């Protein structure tokens, strides 16, 4: 059975960047970079996704 494909995210505006360090680790995005979310995304990261600054890659 194939593993489920994990969603990747990127910045809506590649001219911006996002970086944070929190107790479970760190997460950053810059330019056209695409990444999976960390296992336990921070509240701030989830808020930026909700606001549309960070979007799911289709």
C-alpha atoms as a PDB file:
ATOM      1  CA  UNK A   1       0.000   0.000   0.000  1.00  0.00           C
ATOM      2  CA  UNK A   2       1.382   3.420  -0.944  1.00  0.00           C
ATOM      3  CA  UNK A   3       1.957   6.002   1.778  1.00  0.00           C
ATOM      4  CA  UNK A   4      -0.364   9.003   1.783  1.00  0.00           C
ATOM      5  CA  UNK A   5       1.175  12.020   0.102  1.00  0.00           C
ATOM      6  CA  UNK A   6       1.773  14.799   2.620  1.00  0.00           C
ATOM      7  CA  UNK A   7       0.650  18.306   1.793  1.00  0.00           C
ATOM      8  CA  UNK A   8       3.299  20.892   1.053  1.00  0.00           C
ATOM      9  CA  UNK A   9       3.064  24.613   1.665  1.00  0.00           C
ATOM     10  CA  UNK A  10       4.726  27.696   0.187  1.00  0.00           C
ATOM     11  CA  UNK A  11       4.613  31.456   0.582  1.00  0.00           C
ATOM     12  CA  UNK A  12       1.868  33.206  -1.353  1.00  0.00           C
ATOM     13  CA  UNK A  13       4.329  35.996  -2.204  1.00  0.00           C
ATOM     14  CA  UNK A  14       7.792  34.546  -2.973  1.00  0.00           C
ATOM     15  CA  UNK A  15       9.362  37.978  -2.352  1.00  0.00           C
ATOM     16  CA  UNK A  16       8.698  37.436   1.382  1.00  0.00           C
ATOM     17  CA  UNK A  17      10.032  35.006   3.959  1.00  0.00           C
ATOM     18  CA  UNK A  18       8.871  33.360   7.166  1.00  0.00           C
ATOM     19  CA  UNK A  19      10.995  31.891   9.955  1.00  0.00           C
ATOM     20  CA  UNK A  20      10.327  30.923  13.552  1.00  0.00           C
ATOM     21  CA  UNK A  21      11.920  28.981  16.366  1.00  0.00           C
ATOM     22  CA  UNK A  22       9.713  27.361  18.983  1.00  0.00           C
ATOM     23  CA  UNK A  23      10.064  24.734  21.695  1.00  0.00           C
ATOM     24  CA  UNK A  24       9.598  21.740  19.348  1.00  0.00           C
ATOM     25  CA  UNK A  25      11.990  23.005  16.669  1.00  0.00           C
ATOM     26  CA  UNK A  26      11.990  25.562  13.874  1.00  0.00           C
ATOM     27  CA  UNK A  27      10.309  26.222  10.536  1.00  0.00           C
ATOM     28  CA  UNK A  28      11.200  28.567   7.700  1.00  0.00           C
ATOM     29  CA  UNK A  29      10.129  29.342   4.161  1.00  0.00           C
ATOM     30  CA  UNK A  30      11.791  31.655   1.648  1.00  0.00           C
ATOM     31  CA  UNK A  31      11.178  32.452  -2.008  1.00  0.00           C
ATOM     32  CA  UNK A  32       9.618  29.581  -3.976  1.00  0.00           C
ATOM     33  CA  UNK A  33      10.557  26.961  -1.369  1.00  0.00           C
ATOM     34  CA  UNK A  34       7.956  24.250  -0.659  1.00  0.00           C
ATOM     35  CA  UNK A  35       7.843  22.310   2.629  1.00  0.00           C
ATOM     36  CA  UNK A  36       5.701  19.981   4.665  1.00  0.00           C
ATOM     37  CA  UNK A  37       4.469  21.410   7.947  1.00  0.00           C
ATOM     38  CA  UNK A  38       6.241  20.298  11.125  1.00  0.00           C
ATOM     39  CA  UNK A  39       4.590  17.547  13.180  1.00  0.00           C
ATOM     40  CA  UNK A  40       3.227  20.098  15.674  1.00  0.00           C
ATOM     41  CA  UNK A  41       2.893  23.436  13.843  1.00  0.00           C
ATOM     42  CA  UNK A  42       2.888  26.543  16.028  1.00  0.00           C
ATOM     43  CA  UNK A  43      -0.161  28.707  16.560  1.00  0.00           C
ATOM     44  CA  UNK A  44       1.536  31.543  14.630  1.00  0.00           C
ATOM     45  CA  UNK A  45       2.226  29.297  11.629  1.00  0.00           C
ATOM     46  CA  UNK A  46      -1.384  28.073  11.569  1.00  0.00           C
ATOM     47  CA  UNK A  47      -2.623  31.680  11.754  1.00  0.00           C
ATOM     48  CA  UNK A  48      -0.474  32.647   8.735  1.00  0.00           C
ATOM     49  CA  UNK A  49      -1.945  29.741   6.761  1.00  0.00           C
ATOM     50  CA  UNK A  50      -5.451  30.753   7.824  1.00  0.00           C
ATOM     51  CA  UNK A  51      -4.752  34.366   6.762  1.00  0.00           C
ATOM     52  CA  UNK A  52      -3.448  33.239   3.351  1.00  0.00           C
ATOM     53  CA  UNK A  53       0.209  34.317   3.685  1.00  0.00           C
ATOM     54  CA  UNK A  54       1.248  30.666   3.432  1.00  0.00           C
ATOM     55  CA  UNK A  55      -0.705  28.485   0.986  1.00  0.00           C
ATOM     56  CA  UNK A  56      -1.007  24.798   0.156  1.00  0.00           C
ATOM     57  CA  UNK A  57       0.828  23.669  -2.990  1.00  0.00           C
ATOM     58  CA  UNK A  58      -1.582  22.174  -5.501  1.00  0.00           C
END
